[in-house]
Structure formats: C-alpha cells, structure tokens
C-alpha atoms as a PDB file:
ATOM      1  CA  MET A   1     100.133 110.284  79.861  1.00  0.00           C
ATOM      2  CA  ASP A   2      98.944 111.831  83.140  1.00  0.00           C
ATOM      3  CA  ASP A   3      98.440 108.374  84.689  1.00  0.00           C
ATOM      4  CA  GLU A   4     101.932 107.340  83.620  1.00  0.00           C
ATOM      5  CA  LEU A   5     103.437 110.490  85.147  1.00  0.00           C
ATOM      6  CA  GLU A   6     101.492 109.938  88.375  1.00  0.00           C
ATOM      7  CA  ASN A   7     102.726 106.323  88.559  1.00  0.00           C
ATOM      8  CA  LEU A   8     106.278 107.524  87.964  1.00  0.00           C
ATOM      9  CA  ASN A   9     105.873 110.133  90.718  1.00  0.00           C
ATOM     10  CA  ILE A  10     104.676 107.482  93.167  1.00  0.00           C
ATOM     11  CA  THR A  11     107.473 105.060  92.292  1.00  0.00           C
ATOM     12  CA  LEU A  12     110.177 107.710  92.554  1.00  0.00           C
ATOM     13  CA  GLU A  13     108.793 109.108  95.798  1.00  0.00           C
ATOM     14  CA  GLN A  14     108.675 105.650  97.378  1.00  0.00           C
ATOM     15  CA  SER A  15     112.276 105.100  96.266  1.00  0.00           C
ATOM     16  CA  GLY A  16     113.447 108.489  97.554  1.00  0.00           C
ATOM     17  CA  ILE A  17     114.567 109.549  94.082  1.00  0.00           C
ATOM     18  CA  LYS A  18     114.191 112.958  92.446  1.00  0.00           C
ATOM     19  CA  LEU A  19     114.137 113.132  88.660  1.00  0.00           C
ATOM     20  CA  GLY A  20     115.211 116.250  86.770  1.00  0.00           C
ATOM     21  CA  ILE A  21     114.035 116.703  83.210  1.00  0.00           C
ATOM     22  CA  SER A  22     115.799 119.166  80.916  1.00  0.00           C
ATOM     23  CA  ASN A  23     114.155 121.265  78.268  1.00  0.00           C
ATOM     24  CA  ALA A  24     113.511 119.177  75.163  1.00  0.00           C
ATOM     25  CA  PHE A  25     116.388 118.919  72.742  1.00  0.00           C
ATOM     26  CA  SER A  26     116.950 117.487  69.300  1.00  0.00           C
ATOM     27  CA  ASN A  27     120.633 118.199  68.804  1.00  0.00           C
ATOM     28  CA  PRO A  28     123.087 115.743  70.455  1.00  0.00           C
ATOM     29  CA  VAL A  29     125.731 118.490  70.510  1.00  0.00           C
ATOM     30  CA  GLU A  30     123.627 120.215  73.176  1.00  0.00           C
ATOM     31  CA  MET A  31     123.538 117.129  75.408  1.00  0.00           C
ATOM     32  CA  ARG A  32     125.896 118.577  78.038  1.00  0.00           C
ATOM     33  CA  ARG A  33     123.739 121.692  78.451  1.00  0.00           C
ATOM     34  CA  HIS A  34     120.603 119.606  78.846  1.00  0.00           C
ATOM     35  CA  TYR A  35     122.355 117.271  81.289  1.00  0.00           C
ATOM     36  CA  ILE A  36     123.220 120.293  83.446  1.00  0.00           C
ATOM     37  CA  GLN A  37     119.581 121.411  83.319  1.00  0.00           C
ATOM     38  CA  ALA A  38     118.341 117.986  84.406  1.00  0.00           C
ATOM     39  CA  VAL A  39     120.858 117.727  87.256  1.00  0.00           C
ATOM     40  CA  PHE A  40     120.058 121.241  88.486  1.00  0.00           C
ATOM     41  CA  SER A  41     116.327 120.486  88.438  1.00  0.00           C
ATOM     42  CA  ALA A  42     116.795 117.300  90.431  1.00  0.00           C
ATOM     43  CA  ASP A  43     119.130 118.916  92.977  1.00  0.00           C
ATOM     44  CA  MET A  44     117.292 122.210  93.537  1.00  0.00           C
ATOM     45  CA  ASP A  45     115.459 122.196  96.856  1.00  0.00           C
ATOM     46  CA  ILE A  46     112.912 124.971  97.029  1.00  0.00           C
ATOM     47  CA  PRO A  47     110.898 124.187 100.173  1.00  0.00           C
ATOM     48  CA  SER A  48     107.486 124.594  98.598  1.00  0.00           C
ATOM     49  CA  ASN A  49     108.139 122.437  95.567  1.00  0.00           C
ATOM     50  CA  GLN A  50     109.078 118.943  96.651  1.00  0.00           C
ATOM     51  CA  GLN A  51     107.902 117.187  93.506  1.00  0.00           C
ATOM     52  CA  VAL A  52     110.012 114.226  92.538  1.00  0.00           C
ATOM     53  CA  VAL A  53     109.684 114.821  88.785  1.00  0.00           C
ATOM     54  CA  ARG A  54     111.079 118.279  88.188  1.00  0.00           C
ATOM     55  CA  HIS A  55     111.014 120.007  84.824  1.00  0.00           C
ATOM     56  CA  TYR A  56     113.818 122.475  84.208  1.00  0.00           C
ATOM     57  CA  ILE A  57     111.467 125.155  82.916  1.00  0.00           C
ATOM     58  CA  ASP A  58     110.002 125.302  86.450  1.00  0.00           C
ATOM     59  CA  TYR A  59     113.484 125.825  87.919  1.00  0.00           C
ATOM     60  CA  ALA A  60     115.170 127.986  85.264  1.00  0.00           C
ATOM     61  CA  ILE A  61     114.637 131.164  87.268  1.00  0.00           C
ATOM     62  CA  TYR A  62     116.290 129.534  90.291  1.00  0.00           C
ATOM     63  CA  HIS A  63     119.179 128.421  88.103  1.00  0.00           C
ATOM     64  CA  SER A  64     119.645 132.046  87.044  1.00  0.00           C
ATOM     65  CA  LEU A  65     119.616 133.123  90.689  1.00  0.00           C
ATOM     66  CA  ALA A  66     122.105 130.389  91.620  1.00  0.00           C
ATOM     67  CA  LEU A  67     124.475 131.643  88.940  1.00  0.00           C
ATOM     68  CA  ALA A  68     123.923 135.293  89.878  1.00  0.00           C
ATOM     69  CA  LYS A  69     124.645 134.709  93.587  1.00  0.00           C
ATOM     70  CA  ASN A  70     128.320 134.222  92.725  1.00  0.00           C
ATOM     71  CA  ASP A  71     128.516 137.856  91.602  1.00  0.00           C
ATOM     72  CA  ILE A  72     125.831 139.730  93.529  1.00  0.00           C
ATOM     73  CA  ASP A  73     123.734 139.622  96.652  1.00  0.00           C
ATOM     74  CA  VAL A  74     120.491 138.239  95.190  1.00  0.00           C
ATOM     75  CA  THR A  75     118.454 139.923  97.922  1.00  0.00           C
ATOM     76  CA  ASP A  76     119.175 143.126  95.991  1.00  0.00           C
ATOM     77  CA  LEU A  77     116.931 141.709  93.234  1.00  0.00           C
ATOM     78  CA  CYS A  78     113.955 141.497  95.584  1.00  0.00           C
ATOM     79  CA  HIS A  79     111.538 144.391  96.010  1.00  0.00           C
ATOM     80  CA  PRO A  80     112.546 146.074  99.307  1.00  0.00           C
ATOM     81  CA  ALA A  81     108.986 146.113 100.699  1.00  0.00           C
ATOM     82  CA  LEU A  82     108.550 142.375 100.144  1.00  0.00           C
ATOM     83  CA  LEU A  83     111.982 141.656 101.609  1.00  0.00           C
ATOM     84  CA  ARG A  84     111.081 143.650 104.757  1.00  0.00           C
ATOM     85  CA  LEU A  85     107.791 141.783 105.112  1.00  0.00           C
ATOM     86  CA  ALA A  86     109.504 138.405 104.628  1.00  0.00           C
ATOM     87  CA  GLN A  87     112.161 139.225 107.234  1.00  0.00           C
ATOM     88  CA  SER A  88     109.599 140.461 109.740  1.00  0.00           C
ATOM     89  CA  THR A  89     108.619 138.300 112.704  1.00  0.00           C
ATOM     90  CA  LYS A  90     105.106 139.770 112.833  1.00  0.00           C
ATOM     91  CA  GLN A  91     102.299 137.439 111.768  1.00  0.00           C
ATOM     92  CA  SER A  92     100.430 140.340 110.164  1.00  0.00           C
ATOM     93  CA  ASP A  93     103.347 140.873 107.758  1.00  0.00           C
ATOM     94  CA  ARG A  94     103.338 137.176 106.850  1.00  0.00           C
ATOM     95  CA  ASP A  95      99.570 137.385 106.281  1.00  0.00           C
ATOM     96  CA  ILE A  96     100.070 140.287 103.877  1.00  0.00           C
ATOM     97  CA  LEU A  97     102.686 138.322 101.921  1.00  0.00           C
ATOM     98  CA  ASP A  98     100.508 135.221 101.792  1.00  0.00           C
ATOM     99  CA  SER A  99      97.515 137.264 100.670  1.00  0.00           C
ATOM    100  CA  LEU A 100      99.435 138.988  97.908  1.00  0.00           C
ATOM    101  CA  TYR A 101     100.947 135.763  96.636  1.00  0.00           C
ATOM    102  CA  MET A 102      97.625 133.926  96.659  1.00  0.00           C
ATOM    103  CA  TYR A 103      95.896 136.875  94.969  1.00  0.00           C
ATOM    104  CA  LEU A 104      98.408 136.834  92.118  1.00  0.00           C
ATOM    105  CA  LYS A 105      98.444 133.029  91.947  1.00  0.00           C
ATOM    106  CA  ALA A 106      94.635 133.103  91.671  1.00  0.00           C
ATOM    107  CA  ASP A 107      94.975 135.378  88.643  1.00  0.00           C
ATOM    108  CA  LYS A 108      93.863 138.387  90.712  1.00  0.00           C
ATOM    109  CA  SER A 109      90.559 136.766  91.635  1.00  0.00           C
ATOM    110  CA  ILE A 110      89.533 138.127  95.034  1.00  0.00           C
ATOM    111  CA  GLU A 111      86.946 135.360  95.447  1.00  0.00           C
ATOM    112  CA  ARG A 112      89.329 132.470  94.718  1.00  0.00           C
ATOM    113  CA  ALA A 113      92.186 133.922  96.755  1.00  0.00           C
ATOM    114  CA  ALA A 114      89.971 134.690  99.767  1.00  0.00           C
ATOM    115  CA  LYS A 115      88.523 131.189  99.643  1.00  0.00           C
ATOM    116  CA  GLU A 116      91.987 129.622  99.443  1.00  0.00           C
ATOM    117  CA  LEU A 117      93.201 131.763 102.360  1.00  0.00           C
ATOM    118  CA  HIS A 118      90.029 131.128 104.385  1.00  0.00           C
ATOM    119  CA  ILE A 119      89.436 134.833 104.906  1.00  0.00           C
ATOM    120  CA  HIS A 120      86.680 137.291 104.035  1.00  0.00           C
ATOM    121  CA  LYS A 121      86.967 139.180 100.756  1.00  0.00           C
ATOM    122  CA  ASN A 122      87.094 142.513 102.611  1.00  0.00           C
ATOM    123  CA  THR A 123      90.105 141.303 104.581  1.00  0.00           C
ATOM    124  CA  LEU A 124      91.841 140.458 101.335  1.00  0.00           C
ATOM    125  CA  PHE A 125      90.953 143.871  99.850  1.00  0.00           C
ATOM    126  CA  TYR A 126      92.465 145.515 102.935  1.00  0.00           C
ATOM    127  CA  ARG A 127      95.676 143.485 102.701  1.00  0.00           C
ATOM    128  CA  ILE A 128      96.088 144.105  98.963  1.00  0.00           C
ATOM    129  CA  ASP A 129      95.565 147.812  99.512  1.00  0.00           C
ATOM    130  CA  LYS A 130      98.158 147.781 102.294  1.00  0.00           C
ATOM    131  CA  ILE A 131     100.788 146.096 100.100  1.00  0.00           C
ATOM    132  CA  LYS A 132     100.117 148.633  97.360  1.00  0.00           C
ATOM    133  CA  ARG A 133     100.772 151.438  99.853  1.00  0.00           C
ATOM    134  CA  LEU A 134     103.865 149.735 101.309  1.00  0.00           C
ATOM    135  CA  SER A 135     105.478 148.873  97.984  1.00  0.00           C
ATOM    136  CA  GLY A 136     104.324 151.681  95.730  1.00  0.00           C
ATOM    137  CA  ILE A 137     103.901 149.120  92.966  1.00  0.00           C
ATOM    138  CA  ASN A 138     100.837 149.013  90.791  1.00  0.00           C
ATOM    139  CA  ILE A 139     100.018 145.304  90.809  1.00  0.00           C
ATOM    140  CA  THR A 140      97.285 145.760  88.247  1.00  0.00           C
ATOM    141  CA  ASP A 141      99.730 146.062  85.355  1.00  0.00           C
ATOM    142  CA  GLY A 142     102.069 143.431  83.959  1.00  0.00           C
ATOM    143  CA  GLU A 143     105.276 145.228  84.905  1.00  0.00           C
ATOM    144  CA  GLY A 144     104.256 145.573  88.549  1.00  0.00           C
ATOM    145  CA  MET A 145     103.102 141.968  88.743  1.00  0.00           C
ATOM    146  CA  LEU A 146     106.385 140.789  87.234  1.00  0.00           C
ATOM    147  CA  LYS A 147     108.390 142.678  89.865  1.00  0.00           C
ATOM    148  CA  ILE A 148     106.330 141.185  92.678  1.00  0.00           C
ATOM    149  CA  LEU A 149     106.293 137.628  91.326  1.00  0.00           C
ATOM    150  CA  PHE A 150     110.035 137.759  90.653  1.00  0.00           C
ATOM    151  CA  SER A 151     110.549 138.982  94.212  1.00  0.00           C
ATOM    152  CA  PHE A 152     108.604 135.987  95.505  1.00  0.00           C
ATOM    153  CA  LYS A 153     110.937 133.688  93.533  1.00  0.00           C
ATOM    154  CA  VAL A 154     113.956 135.434  95.069  1.00  0.00           C
ATOM    155  CA  LEU A 155     112.446 135.047  98.545  1.00  0.00           C
ATOM    156  CA  ALA A 156     111.876 131.332  97.879  1.00  0.00           C
ATOM    157  CA  PHE A 157     115.434 130.944  96.592  1.00  0.00           C
ATOM    158  CA  ILE A 158     116.936 132.468  99.730  1.00  0.00           C
ATOM    159  CA  GLY A 159     114.576 130.504 101.955  1.00  0.00           C
ATOM    160  CA  LEU A 160     112.442 133.355 103.279  1.00  0.00           C
ATOM    161  CA  TYR A 161     109.181 132.338 101.606  1.00  0.00           C
ATOM    162  CA  SER A 162     107.562 129.197 100.218  1.00  0.00           C
ATOM    163  CA  VAL A 163     105.903 129.621  96.844  1.00  0.00           C
END
C-alpha cells in the first residue's frame, strides 16, 4: 500500500495535481459532506504541507479556522506570546518558535529536537525555558501543549509560521 501511495504521489506531482481525500464514509447520503472535505483538503495551501495527496483529517483544524474567520479574527485564538514571536522580525524570536515547535514535534525529546535543529542541548533548554517565561504556559502538561500546538496551527493558517 505504501508503494502504491508513493507512486500516486509521484504521478500527481508530475501532473501538477493535488488530491483531497475525505474522511471515510459508508453512507451515500453523506456524500456531499465528504465531497466538501475532499475539495477543501485539495485546495488548502498551508506553506509547510505541499503534499499532493491530502487527507482531510490532516486539514480539519484548518477547515475549522477557515469557517471561523468569517465570524472572528482567528489571531485571537493564538496564544499572545506566540503571536508576538511570530510577528517579530528578530531572528532570536524565530529561533525560539522553531525550538519550541521542534521540541513538541519530537515528543518533548531534547536530544531529538536539538539534533534536528542542529543546536546544542543546552541551547534548546535555554530556549524552552525562555518560552515558558514569556508565555506563562506549562508545556509539560497536556492542556498547555494543546494551547501551544493549536497556536502553531493558527500561525500556519494565517501564514506567519510553517508547521
């Protein structure tokens, strides 16, 4: 199955086509809803995710944000400290954001995140400590991590960060 998906990816990429795949369904009455999911997945352009085969489950949060932006300013959904860092022109602020994102993406493994970022572990400890002080969020618990990860999705949606 993985080889087939890889071949499909190559063929679609060479053809300049993006394919959106809805959540699985078994009820034909729900076809319209699943069609909308597939179209949204294919059309959504988040800079960091340029895959040609796009599963709706990977884009559902962005669909929610797209719907919400008609009623609210979605930047209000982003943690203020992360929004400030993302809007900053200072490289050190970008480094803090990148470090935090990689740390969480690496399942809070200092070793893996530092290796991926090509920095020393102590540098990563310093940056993580700084974001904790700036944001006031405890990123060691699930609630804090959810707030931060959701904020990264908002930043990606508005084009201020690539996840």
